[in-house]
PDB file of all heavy atoms in Angstrom:
ATOM      1  N   ALA A   1      11.009  -4.600  -6.943  1.00  0.00           N
ATOM      2  CA  ALA A   1      11.177  -5.422  -5.745  1.00  0.00           C
ATOM      3  C   ALA A   1      10.506  -4.765  -4.546  1.00  0.00           C
ATOM      4  O   ALA A   1       9.959  -5.448  -3.675  1.00  0.00           O
ATOM      5  CB  ALA A   1      12.658  -5.644  -5.461  1.00  0.00           C
ATOM      6  N   VAL A   2      10.534  -3.432  -4.507  1.00  0.00           N
ATOM      7  CA  VAL A   2       9.851  -2.707  -3.438  1.00  0.00           C
ATOM      8  C   VAL A   2       8.356  -2.999  -3.497  1.00  0.00           C
ATOM      9  O   VAL A   2       7.722  -3.327  -2.488  1.00  0.00           O
ATOM     10  CB  VAL A   2      10.104  -1.189  -3.542  1.00  0.00           C
ATOM     11  CG1 VAL A   2       9.217  -0.429  -2.547  1.00  0.00           C
ATOM     12  CG2 VAL A   2      11.566  -0.873  -3.276  1.00  0.00           C
ATOM     13  N   GLY A   3       7.789  -2.922  -4.705  1.00  0.00           N
ATOM     14  CA  GLY A   3       6.372  -3.212  -4.862  1.00  0.00           C
ATOM     15  C   GLY A   3       6.018  -4.616  -4.421  1.00  0.00           C
ATOM     16  O   GLY A   3       5.016  -4.834  -3.721  1.00  0.00           O
ATOM     17  N   ASN A   4       6.861  -5.589  -4.797  1.00  0.00           N
ATOM     18  CA  ASN A   4       6.609  -6.984  -4.419  1.00  0.00           C
ATOM     19  C   ASN A   4       6.677  -7.158  -2.907  1.00  0.00           C
ATOM     20  O   ASN A   4       5.853  -7.855  -2.303  1.00  0.00           O
ATOM     21  CB  ASN A   4       7.625  -7.905  -5.092  1.00  0.00           C
ATOM     22  CG  ASN A   4       7.394  -8.013  -6.586  1.00  0.00           C
ATOM     23  OD1 ASN A   4       6.277  -7.796  -7.063  1.00  0.00           O
ATOM     24  ND2 ASN A   4       8.436  -8.344  -7.332  1.00  0.00           N
ATOM     25  N   ALA A   5       7.692  -6.547  -2.282  1.00  0.00           N
ATOM     26  CA  ALA A   5       7.861  -6.666  -0.836  1.00  0.00           C
ATOM     27  C   ALA A   5       6.670  -6.063  -0.093  1.00  0.00           C
ATOM     28  O   ALA A   5       6.171  -6.639   0.880  1.00  0.00           O
ATOM     29  CB  ALA A   5       9.158  -5.998  -0.392  1.00  0.00           C
ATOM     30  N   LEU A   6       6.210  -4.910  -0.568  1.00  0.00           N
ATOM     31  CA  LEU A   6       5.099  -4.252   0.113  1.00  0.00           C
ATOM     32  C   LEU A   6       3.796  -5.029  -0.076  1.00  0.00           C
ATOM     33  O   LEU A   6       2.951  -5.072   0.822  1.00  0.00           O
ATOM     34  CB  LEU A   6       4.946  -2.820  -0.399  1.00  0.00           C
ATOM     35  CG  LEU A   6       6.166  -1.910  -0.226  1.00  0.00           C
ATOM     36  CD1 LEU A   6       5.811  -0.472  -0.543  1.00  0.00           C
ATOM     37  CD2 LEU A   6       6.750  -2.005   1.176  1.00  0.00           C
ATOM     38  N   HIS A   7       3.665  -5.659  -1.237  1.00  0.00           N
ATOM     39  CA  HIS A   7       2.463  -6.460  -1.494  1.00  0.00           C
ATOM     40  C   HIS A   7       2.414  -7.677  -0.563  1.00  0.00           C
ATOM     41  O   HIS A   7       1.336  -8.132  -0.174  1.00  0.00           O
ATOM     42  CB  HIS A   7       2.453  -6.913  -2.949  1.00  0.00           C
ATOM     43  CG  HIS A   7       1.261  -7.744  -3.318  1.00  0.00           C
ATOM     44  ND1 HIS A   7      -0.041  -7.277  -3.237  1.00  0.00           N
ATOM     45  CD2 HIS A   7       1.162  -9.022  -3.761  1.00  0.00           C
ATOM     46  CE1 HIS A   7      -0.876  -8.228  -3.608  1.00  0.00           C
ATOM     47  NE2 HIS A   7      -0.178  -9.297  -3.925  1.00  0.00           N
ATOM     48  N   LYS A   8       3.603  -8.193  -0.184  1.00  0.00           N
ATOM     49  CA  LYS A   8       3.688  -9.378   0.679  1.00  0.00           C
ATOM     50  C   LYS A   8       3.911  -9.008   2.137  1.00  0.00           C
ATOM     51  O   LYS A   8       4.245  -9.869   2.946  1.00  0.00           O
ATOM     52  CB  LYS A   8       4.830 -10.277   0.203  1.00  0.00           C
ATOM     53  CG  LYS A   8       4.648 -10.813  -1.216  1.00  0.00           C
ATOM     54  CD  LYS A   8       5.867 -11.606  -1.657  1.00  0.00           C
ATOM     55  CE  LYS A   8       5.725 -12.109  -3.079  1.00  0.00           C
ATOM     56  NZ  LYS A   8       6.945 -12.831  -3.539  1.00  0.00           N
ATOM     57  N   ASN A   9       3.735  -7.750   2.470  1.00  0.00           N
ATOM     58  CA  ASN A   9       3.989  -7.253   3.826  1.00  0.00           C
ATOM     59  C   ASN A   9       3.447  -8.210   4.894  1.00  0.00           C
ATOM     60  O   ASN A   9       2.239  -8.385   5.027  1.00  0.00           O
ATOM     61  CB  ASN A   9       3.338  -5.877   3.979  1.00  0.00           C
ATOM     62  CG  ASN A   9       3.582  -5.258   5.348  1.00  0.00           C
ATOM     63  OD1 ASN A   9       4.281  -5.810   6.187  1.00  0.00           O
ATOM     64  ND2 ASN A   9       3.015  -4.088   5.557  1.00  0.00           N
ATOM     65  N   PRO A  10       4.345  -8.843   5.686  1.00  0.00           N
ATOM     66  CA  PRO A  10       3.887  -9.809   6.695  1.00  0.00           C
ATOM     67  C   PRO A  10       3.321  -9.154   7.947  1.00  0.00           C
ATOM     68  O   PRO A  10       2.657  -9.811   8.745  1.00  0.00           O
ATOM     69  CB  PRO A  10       5.168 -10.586   7.025  1.00  0.00           C
ATOM     70  CG  PRO A  10       6.260  -9.573   6.821  1.00  0.00           C
ATOM     71  CD  PRO A  10       5.802  -8.731   5.656  1.00  0.00           C
ATOM     72  N   HIS A  11       3.588  -7.864   8.127  1.00  0.00           N
ATOM     73  CA  HIS A  11       3.154  -7.188   9.352  1.00  0.00           C
ATOM     74  C   HIS A  11       2.540  -5.829   9.017  1.00  0.00           C
ATOM     75  O   HIS A  11       3.103  -4.776   9.362  1.00  0.00           O
ATOM     76  CB  HIS A  11       4.339  -7.021  10.306  1.00  0.00           C
ATOM     77  CG  HIS A  11       5.059  -8.288  10.612  1.00  0.00           C
ATOM     78  ND1 HIS A  11       4.476  -9.341  11.297  1.00  0.00           N
ATOM     79  CD2 HIS A  11       6.320  -8.702  10.299  1.00  0.00           C
ATOM     80  CE1 HIS A  11       5.346 -10.333  11.409  1.00  0.00           C
ATOM     81  NE2 HIS A  11       6.452  -9.970  10.801  1.00  0.00           N
ATOM     82  N   PRO A  12       1.393  -5.804   8.342  1.00  0.00           N
ATOM     83  CA  PRO A  12       0.794  -4.531   7.924  1.00  0.00           C
ATOM     84  C   PRO A  12       0.430  -3.613   9.081  1.00  0.00           C
ATOM     85  O   PRO A  12       0.320  -2.403   8.899  1.00  0.00           O
ATOM     86  CB  PRO A  12      -0.462  -4.980   7.154  1.00  0.00           C
ATOM     87  CG  PRO A  12      -0.753  -6.366   7.637  1.00  0.00           C
ATOM     88  CD  PRO A  12       0.581  -6.971   7.932  1.00  0.00           C
ATOM     89  N   ASP A  13       0.264  -4.184  10.277  1.00  0.00           N
ATOM     90  CA  ASP A  13      -0.076  -3.341  11.427  1.00  0.00           C
ATOM     91  C   ASP A  13       1.117  -2.528  11.921  1.00  0.00           C
ATOM     92  O   ASP A  13       0.936  -1.515  12.602  1.00  0.00           O
ATOM     93  CB  ASP A  13      -0.606  -4.203  12.574  1.00  0.00           C
ATOM     94  CG  ASP A  13      -1.958  -4.825  12.249  1.00  0.00           C
ATOM     95  OD1 ASP A  13      -2.651  -4.290  11.362  1.00  0.00           O
ATOM     96  OD2 ASP A  13      -2.307  -5.843  12.866  1.00  0.00           O
ATOM     97  N   THR A  14       2.329  -2.990  11.589  1.00  0.00           N
ATOM     98  CA  THR A  14       3.519  -2.284  12.090  1.00  0.00           C
ATOM     99  C   THR A  14       4.409  -1.729  10.982  1.00  0.00           C
ATOM    100  O   THR A  14       5.212  -0.837  11.241  1.00  0.00           O
ATOM    101  CB  THR A  14       4.361  -3.222  12.977  1.00  0.00           C
ATOM    102  OG1 THR A  14       4.711  -4.397  12.232  1.00  0.00           O
ATOM    103  CG2 THR A  14       3.577  -3.640  14.214  1.00  0.00           C
ATOM    104  N   ILE A  15       4.291  -2.266   9.764  1.00  0.00           N
ATOM    105  CA  ILE A  15       5.084  -1.745   8.638  1.00  0.00           C
ATOM    106  C   ILE A  15       4.135  -0.940   7.760  1.00  0.00           C
ATOM    107  O   ILE A  15       3.287  -1.518   7.072  1.00  0.00           O
ATOM    108  CB  ILE A  15       5.733  -2.879   7.825  1.00  0.00           C
ATOM    109  CG1 ILE A  15       6.615  -3.740   8.726  1.00  0.00           C
ATOM    110  CG2 ILE A  15       6.554  -2.303   6.665  1.00  0.00           C
ATOM    111  CD1 ILE A  15       7.196  -4.971   8.028  1.00  0.00           C
ATOM    112  N   PRO A  16       4.238   0.396   7.749  1.00  0.00           N
ATOM    113  CA  PRO A  16       3.236   1.244   7.082  1.00  0.00           C
ATOM    114  C   PRO A  16       3.425   1.332   5.566  1.00  0.00           C
ATOM    115  O   PRO A  16       3.730   2.396   5.007  1.00  0.00           O
ATOM    116  CB  PRO A  16       3.459   2.600   7.747  1.00  0.00           C
ATOM    117  CG  PRO A  16       4.923   2.619   8.059  1.00  0.00           C
ATOM    118  CD  PRO A  16       5.266   1.191   8.448  1.00  0.00           C
ATOM    119  N   CYS A  17       3.179   0.220   4.882  1.00  0.00           N
ATOM    120  CA  CYS A  17       3.377   0.174   3.436  1.00  0.00           C
ATOM    121  C   CYS A  17       2.444   1.119   2.688  1.00  0.00           C
ATOM    122  O   CYS A  17       2.722   1.499   1.553  1.00  0.00           O
ATOM    123  CB  CYS A  17       3.196  -1.249   2.933  1.00  0.00           C
ATOM    124  SG  CYS A  17       4.480  -2.379   3.505  1.00  0.00           S
ATOM    125  N   TYR A  18       1.330   1.476   3.307  1.00  0.00           N
ATOM    126  CA  TYR A  18       0.389   2.388   2.651  1.00  0.00           C
ATOM    127  C   TYR A  18       0.987   3.781   2.443  1.00  0.00           C
ATOM    128  O   TYR A  18       0.442   4.591   1.675  1.00  0.00           O
ATOM    129  CB  TYR A  18      -0.911   2.486   3.458  1.00  0.00           C
ATOM    130  CG  TYR A  18      -0.763   3.129   4.826  1.00  0.00           C
ATOM    131  CD1 TYR A  18      -0.884   4.508   4.984  1.00  0.00           C
ATOM    132  CD2 TYR A  18      -0.483   2.363   5.956  1.00  0.00           C
ATOM    133  CE1 TYR A  18      -0.741   5.105   6.226  1.00  0.00           C
ATOM    134  CE2 TYR A  18      -0.341   2.946   7.202  1.00  0.00           C
ATOM    135  CZ  TYR A  18      -0.472   4.318   7.334  1.00  0.00           C
ATOM    136  OH  TYR A  18      -0.315   4.911   8.567  1.00  0.00           O
ATOM    137  N   ARG A  19       2.114   4.061   3.066  1.00  0.00           N
ATOM    138  CA  ARG A  19       2.763   5.362   2.911  1.00  0.00           C
ATOM    139  C   ARG A  19       3.696   5.417   1.700  1.00  0.00           C
ATOM    140  O   ARG A  19       4.463   6.368   1.547  1.00  0.00           O
ATOM    141  CB  ARG A  19       3.545   5.715   4.184  1.00  0.00           C
ATOM    142  CG  ARG A  19       2.644   5.965   5.387  1.00  0.00           C
ATOM    143  CD  ARG A  19       3.426   6.230   6.664  1.00  0.00           C
ATOM    144  NE  ARG A  19       2.522   6.359   7.810  1.00  0.00           N
ATOM    145  CZ  ARG A  19       2.888   6.241   9.085  1.00  0.00           C
ATOM    146  NH1 ARG A  19       4.147   6.000   9.394  1.00  0.00           N
ATOM    147  NH2 ARG A  19       1.999   6.363  10.052  1.00  0.00           N
ATOM    148  N   VAL A  20       3.615   4.409   0.839  1.00  0.00           N
ATOM    149  CA  VAL A  20       4.441   4.382  -0.372  1.00  0.00           C
ATOM    150  C   VAL A  20       3.529   4.538  -1.586  1.00  0.00           C
ATOM    151  O   VAL A  20       2.522   3.832  -1.718  1.00  0.00           O
ATOM    152  CB  VAL A  20       5.234   3.065  -0.475  1.00  0.00           C
ATOM    153  CG1 VAL A  20       6.131   3.084  -1.714  1.00  0.00           C
ATOM    154  CG2 VAL A  20       6.088   2.862   0.786  1.00  0.00           C
ATOM    155  N   VAL A  21       3.889   5.465  -2.466  1.00  0.00           N
ATOM    156  CA  VAL A  21       3.098   5.764  -3.668  1.00  0.00           C
ATOM    157  C   VAL A  21       4.028   5.761  -4.876  1.00  0.00           C
ATOM    158  O   VAL A  21       5.251   5.680  -4.734  1.00  0.00           O
ATOM    159  CB  VAL A  21       2.396   7.130  -3.536  1.00  0.00           C
ATOM    160  CG1 VAL A  21       1.416   7.128  -2.364  1.00  0.00           C
ATOM    161  CG2 VAL A  21       3.420   8.257  -3.356  1.00  0.00           C
ATOM    162  N   ASN A  22       3.454   5.878  -6.076  1.00  0.00           N
ATOM    163  CA  ASN A  22       4.323   5.882  -7.256  1.00  0.00           C
ATOM    164  C   ASN A  22       4.898   7.270  -7.512  1.00  0.00           C
ATOM    165  O   ASN A  22       4.632   8.225  -6.775  1.00  0.00           O
ATOM    166  CB  ASN A  22       3.603   5.301  -8.476  1.00  0.00           C
ATOM    167  CG  ASN A  22       2.532   6.222  -9.045  1.00  0.00           C
ATOM    168  OD1 ASN A  22       2.451   7.409  -8.704  1.00  0.00           O
ATOM    169  ND2 ASN A  22       1.701   5.693  -9.913  1.00  0.00           N
ATOM    170  N   ALA A  23       5.675   7.378  -8.584  1.00  0.00           N
ATOM    171  CA  ALA A  23       6.419   8.621  -8.853  1.00  0.00           C
ATOM    172  C   ALA A  23       5.523   9.817  -9.108  1.00  0.00           C
ATOM    173  O   ALA A  23       5.962  10.976  -8.995  1.00  0.00           O
ATOM    174  CB  ALA A  23       7.357   8.407 -10.042  1.00  0.00           C
ATOM    175  N   ALA A  24       4.258   9.555  -9.455  1.00  0.00           N
ATOM    176  CA  ALA A  24       3.315  10.639  -9.704  1.00  0.00           C
ATOM    177  C   ALA A  24       2.449  10.931  -8.482  1.00  0.00           C
ATOM    178  O   ALA A  24       1.553  11.779  -8.536  1.00  0.00           O
ATOM    179  CB  ALA A  24       2.425  10.289 -10.902  1.00  0.00           C
ATOM    180  N   GLY A  25       2.716  10.217  -7.399  1.00  0.00           N
ATOM    181  CA  GLY A  25       1.919  10.402  -6.197  1.00  0.00           C
ATOM    182  C   GLY A  25       0.642   9.596  -6.196  1.00  0.00           C
ATOM    183  O   GLY A  25      -0.211   9.762  -5.310  1.00  0.00           O
ATOM    184  N   GLU A  26       0.497   8.695  -7.178  1.00  0.00           N
ATOM    185  CA  GLU A  26      -0.724   7.906  -7.301  1.00  0.00           C
ATOM    186  C   GLU A  26      -0.720   6.726  -6.328  1.00  0.00           C
ATOM    187  O   GLU A  26       0.326   6.110  -6.088  1.00  0.00           O
ATOM    188  CB  GLU A  26      -0.873   7.393  -8.729  1.00  0.00           C
ATOM    189  CG  GLU A  26      -1.050   8.517  -9.738  1.00  0.00           C
ATOM    190  CD  GLU A  26      -0.962   8.018 -11.171  1.00  0.00           C
ATOM    191  OE1 GLU A  26      -0.364   6.941 -11.393  1.00  0.00           O
ATOM    192  OE2 GLU A  26      -1.456   8.735 -12.062  1.00  0.00           O
ATOM    193  N   LEU A  27      -1.900   6.401  -5.833  1.00  0.00           N
ATOM    194  CA  LEU A  27      -2.052   5.296  -4.890  1.00  0.00           C
ATOM    195  C   LEU A  27      -2.139   3.964  -5.632  1.00  0.00           C
ATOM    196  O   LEU A  27      -2.381   3.931  -6.843  1.00  0.00           O
ATOM    197  CB  LEU A  27      -3.297   5.498  -4.038  1.00  0.00           C
ATOM    198  CG  LEU A  27      -3.177   6.436  -2.820  1.00  0.00           C
ATOM    199  CD1 LEU A  27      -2.655   7.808  -3.209  1.00  0.00           C
ATOM    200  CD2 LEU A  27      -4.521   6.566  -2.118  1.00  0.00           C
ATOM    201  N   SER A  28      -1.966   2.880  -4.918  1.00  0.00           N
ATOM    202  CA  SER A  28      -2.065   1.542  -5.503  1.00  0.00           C
ATOM    203  C   SER A  28      -3.520   1.181  -5.759  1.00  0.00           C
ATOM    204  O   SER A  28      -4.434   1.842  -5.270  1.00  0.00           O
ATOM    205  CB  SER A  28      -1.446   0.501  -4.564  1.00  0.00           C
ATOM    206  OG  SER A  28      -0.088   0.791  -4.321  1.00  0.00           O
ATOM    207  N   GLY A  29      -3.710   0.091  -6.516  1.00  0.00           N
ATOM    208  CA  GLY A  29      -5.053  -0.389  -6.773  1.00  0.00           C
ATOM    209  C   GLY A  29      -5.678  -0.996  -5.536  1.00  0.00           C
ATOM    210  O   GLY A  29      -5.016  -1.203  -4.509  1.00  0.00           O
ATOM    211  N   ALA A  30      -6.947  -1.296  -5.636  1.00  0.00           N
ATOM    212  CA  ALA A  30      -7.687  -1.817  -4.489  1.00  0.00           C
ATOM    213  C   ALA A  30      -7.108  -3.114  -3.954  1.00  0.00           C
ATOM    214  O   ALA A  30      -7.183  -3.393  -2.763  1.00  0.00           O
ATOM    215  CB  ALA A  30      -9.152  -2.019  -4.883  1.00  0.00           C
ATOM    216  N   PHE A  31      -6.481  -3.914  -4.836  1.00  0.00           N
ATOM    217  CA  PHE A  31      -5.973  -5.227  -4.422  1.00  0.00           C
ATOM    218  C   PHE A  31      -4.883  -5.117  -3.361  1.00  0.00           C
ATOM    219  O   PHE A  31      -4.678  -6.031  -2.568  1.00  0.00           O
ATOM    220  CB  PHE A  31      -5.402  -5.966  -5.637  1.00  0.00           C
ATOM    221  CG  PHE A  31      -4.122  -5.386  -6.160  1.00  0.00           C
ATOM    222  CD1 PHE A  31      -2.896  -5.817  -5.674  1.00  0.00           C
ATOM    223  CD2 PHE A  31      -4.136  -4.384  -7.114  1.00  0.00           C
ATOM    224  CE1 PHE A  31      -1.712  -5.273  -6.140  1.00  0.00           C
ATOM    225  CE2 PHE A  31      -2.956  -3.839  -7.596  1.00  0.00           C
ATOM    226  CZ  PHE A  31      -1.746  -4.282  -7.104  1.00  0.00           C
ATOM    227  N   ALA A  32      -4.157  -3.999  -3.355  1.00  0.00           N
ATOM    228  CA  ALA A  32      -2.942  -3.897  -2.537  1.00  0.00           C
ATOM    229  C   ALA A  32      -3.223  -3.848  -1.040  1.00  0.00           C
ATOM    230  O   ALA A  32      -2.418  -4.308  -0.245  1.00  0.00           O
ATOM    231  CB  ALA A  32      -2.131  -2.672  -2.956  1.00  0.00           C
ATOM    232  N   PHE A  33      -4.347  -3.290  -0.651  1.00  0.00           N
ATOM    233  CA  PHE A  33      -4.597  -3.103   0.782  1.00  0.00           C
ATOM    234  C   PHE A  33      -5.922  -3.702   1.231  1.00  0.00           C
ATOM    235  O   PHE A  33      -6.453  -3.345   2.266  1.00  0.00           O
ATOM    236  CB  PHE A  33      -4.526  -1.618   1.131  1.00  0.00           C
ATOM    237  CG  PHE A  33      -3.155  -1.026   0.919  1.00  0.00           C
ATOM    238  CD1 PHE A  33      -2.844  -0.395  -0.276  1.00  0.00           C
ATOM    239  CD2 PHE A  33      -2.164  -1.158   1.878  1.00  0.00           C
ATOM    240  CE1 PHE A  33      -1.576   0.116  -0.492  1.00  0.00           C
ATOM    241  CE2 PHE A  33      -0.898  -0.652   1.668  1.00  0.00           C
ATOM    242  CZ  PHE A  33      -0.596  -0.022   0.482  1.00  0.00           C
ATOM    243  N   GLY A  34      -6.452  -4.594   0.428  1.00  0.00           N
ATOM    244  CA  GLY A  34      -7.633  -5.324   0.848  1.00  0.00           C
ATOM    245  C   GLY A  34      -8.959  -4.682   0.511  1.00  0.00           C
ATOM    246  O   GLY A  34     -10.006  -5.144   0.974  1.00  0.00           O
ATOM    247  N   GLY A  35      -8.935  -3.629  -0.289  1.00  0.00           N
ATOM    248  CA  GLY A  35     -10.207  -3.027  -0.669  1.00  0.00           C
ATOM    249  C   GLY A  35     -10.045  -1.644  -1.259  1.00  0.00           C
ATOM    250  O   GLY A  35      -9.038  -0.966  -1.032  1.00  0.00           O
ATOM    251  N   LYS A  36     -11.027  -1.238  -2.016  1.00  0.00           N
ATOM    252  CA  LYS A  36     -11.010   0.083  -2.637  1.00  0.00           C
ATOM    253  C   LYS A  36     -10.994   1.176  -1.575  1.00  0.00           C
ATOM    254  O   LYS A  36     -11.705   1.097  -0.572  1.00  0.00           O
ATOM    255  CB  LYS A  36     -12.234   0.231  -3.540  1.00  0.00           C
ATOM    256  CG  LYS A  36     -12.245   1.498  -4.378  1.00  0.00           C
ATOM    257  CD  LYS A  36     -13.465   1.521  -5.287  1.00  0.00           C
ATOM    258  CE  LYS A  36     -13.477   2.790  -6.138  1.00  0.00           C
ATOM    259  NZ  LYS A  36     -14.660   2.832  -7.035  1.00  0.00           N
ATOM    260  N   ASN A  37     -10.162   2.173  -1.808  1.00  0.00           N
ATOM    261  CA  ASN A  37     -10.063   3.355  -0.939  1.00  0.00           C
ATOM    262  C   ASN A  37      -9.400   3.097   0.413  1.00  0.00           C
ATOM    263  O   ASN A  37      -9.277   4.029   1.215  1.00  0.00           O
ATOM    264  CB  ASN A  37     -11.441   3.992  -0.688  1.00  0.00           C
ATOM    265  CG  ASN A  37     -12.077   4.502  -1.968  1.00  0.00           C
ATOM    266  OD1 ASN A  37     -11.378   4.976  -2.869  1.00  0.00           O
ATOM    267  ND2 ASN A  37     -13.383   4.388  -2.065  1.00  0.00           N
ATOM    268  N   VAL A  38      -8.953   1.859   0.679  1.00  0.00           N
ATOM    269  CA  VAL A  38      -8.336   1.585   1.979  1.00  0.00           C
ATOM    270  C   VAL A  38      -7.054   2.402   2.146  1.00  0.00           C
ATOM    271  O   VAL A  38      -6.829   3.024   3.194  1.00  0.00           O
ATOM    272  CB  VAL A  38      -8.044   0.081   2.146  1.00  0.00           C
ATOM    273  CG1 VAL A  38      -7.223  -0.163   3.419  1.00  0.00           C
ATOM    274  CG2 VAL A  38      -9.336  -0.710   2.216  1.00  0.00           C
ATOM    275  N   GLN A  39      -6.191   2.406   1.125  1.00  0.00           N
ATOM    276  CA  GLN A  39      -4.949   3.178   1.230  1.00  0.00           C
ATOM    277  C   GLN A  39      -5.253   4.657   1.426  1.00  0.00           C
ATOM    278  O   GLN A  39      -4.621   5.333   2.257  1.00  0.00           O
ATOM    279  CB  GLN A  39      -4.080   2.982  -0.009  1.00  0.00           C
ATOM    280  CG  GLN A  39      -2.716   3.670   0.123  1.00  0.00           C
ATOM    281  CD  GLN A  39      -1.819   3.463  -1.087  1.00  0.00           C
ATOM    282  OE1 GLN A  39      -2.270   3.050  -2.152  1.00  0.00           O
ATOM    283  NE2 GLN A  39      -0.534   3.756  -0.930  1.00  0.00           N
ATOM    284  N   ALA A  40      -6.228   5.173   0.686  1.00  0.00           N
ATOM    285  CA  ALA A  40      -6.593   6.583   0.827  1.00  0.00           C
ATOM    286  C   ALA A  40      -7.081   6.885   2.241  1.00  0.00           C
ATOM    287  O   ALA A  40      -6.699   7.905   2.842  1.00  0.00           O
ATOM    288  CB  ALA A  40      -7.678   6.942  -0.191  1.00  0.00           C
ATOM    289  N   GLU A  41      -7.879   5.992   2.786  1.00  0.00           N
ATOM    290  CA  GLU A  41      -8.390   6.207   4.144  1.00  0.00           C
ATOM    291  C   GLU A  41      -7.272   6.201   5.170  1.00  0.00           C
ATOM    292  O   GLU A  41      -7.267   7.004   6.115  1.00  0.00           O
ATOM    293  CB  GLU A  41      -9.428   5.130   4.469  1.00  0.00           C
ATOM    294  CG  GLU A  41     -10.707   5.266   3.663  1.00  0.00           C
ATOM    295  CD  GLU A  41     -11.603   4.042   3.787  1.00  0.00           C
ATOM    296  OE1 GLU A  41     -11.207   3.087   4.508  1.00  0.00           O
ATOM    297  OE2 GLU A  41     -12.683   4.030   3.171  1.00  0.00           O
ATOM    298  N   LEU A  42      -6.303   5.295   4.988  1.00  0.00           N
ATOM    299  CA  LEU A  42      -5.176   5.235   5.924  1.00  0.00           C
ATOM    300  C   LEU A  42      -4.324   6.495   5.839  1.00  0.00           C
ATOM    301  O   LEU A  42      -3.876   7.034   6.858  1.00  0.00           O
ATOM    302  CB  LEU A  42      -4.325   4.000   5.625  1.00  0.00           C
ATOM    303  CG  LEU A  42      -4.970   2.642   5.943  1.00  0.00           C
ATOM    304  CD1 LEU A  42      -4.153   1.502   5.343  1.00  0.00           C
ATOM    305  CD2 LEU A  42      -5.087   2.454   7.455  1.00  0.00           C
ATOM    306  N   LEU A  43      -4.096   6.970   4.620  1.00  0.00           N
ATOM    307  CA  LEU A  43      -3.299   8.188   4.448  1.00  0.00           C
ATOM    308  C   LEU A  43      -4.030   9.407   5.017  1.00  0.00           C
ATOM    309  O   LEU A  43      -3.414  10.260   5.675  1.00  0.00           O
ATOM    310  CB  LEU A  43      -2.976   8.408   2.969  1.00  0.00           C
ATOM    311  CG  LEU A  43      -1.976   7.431   2.361  1.00  0.00           C
ATOM    312  CD1 LEU A  43      -1.882   7.618   0.852  1.00  0.00           C
ATOM    313  CD2 LEU A  43      -0.597   7.595   2.994  1.00  0.00           C
TER     314      LEU A  43
END
């Protein structure tokens, strides 16, 4: 449910969903933040 909520984040400018990773510290796929490496760049 956390993953679903973050994927539907209505306010990405104010809710920092990019700061959530999986149990191994791995980042989400490119689809999650609008492009490849976007989450990495934000972090």
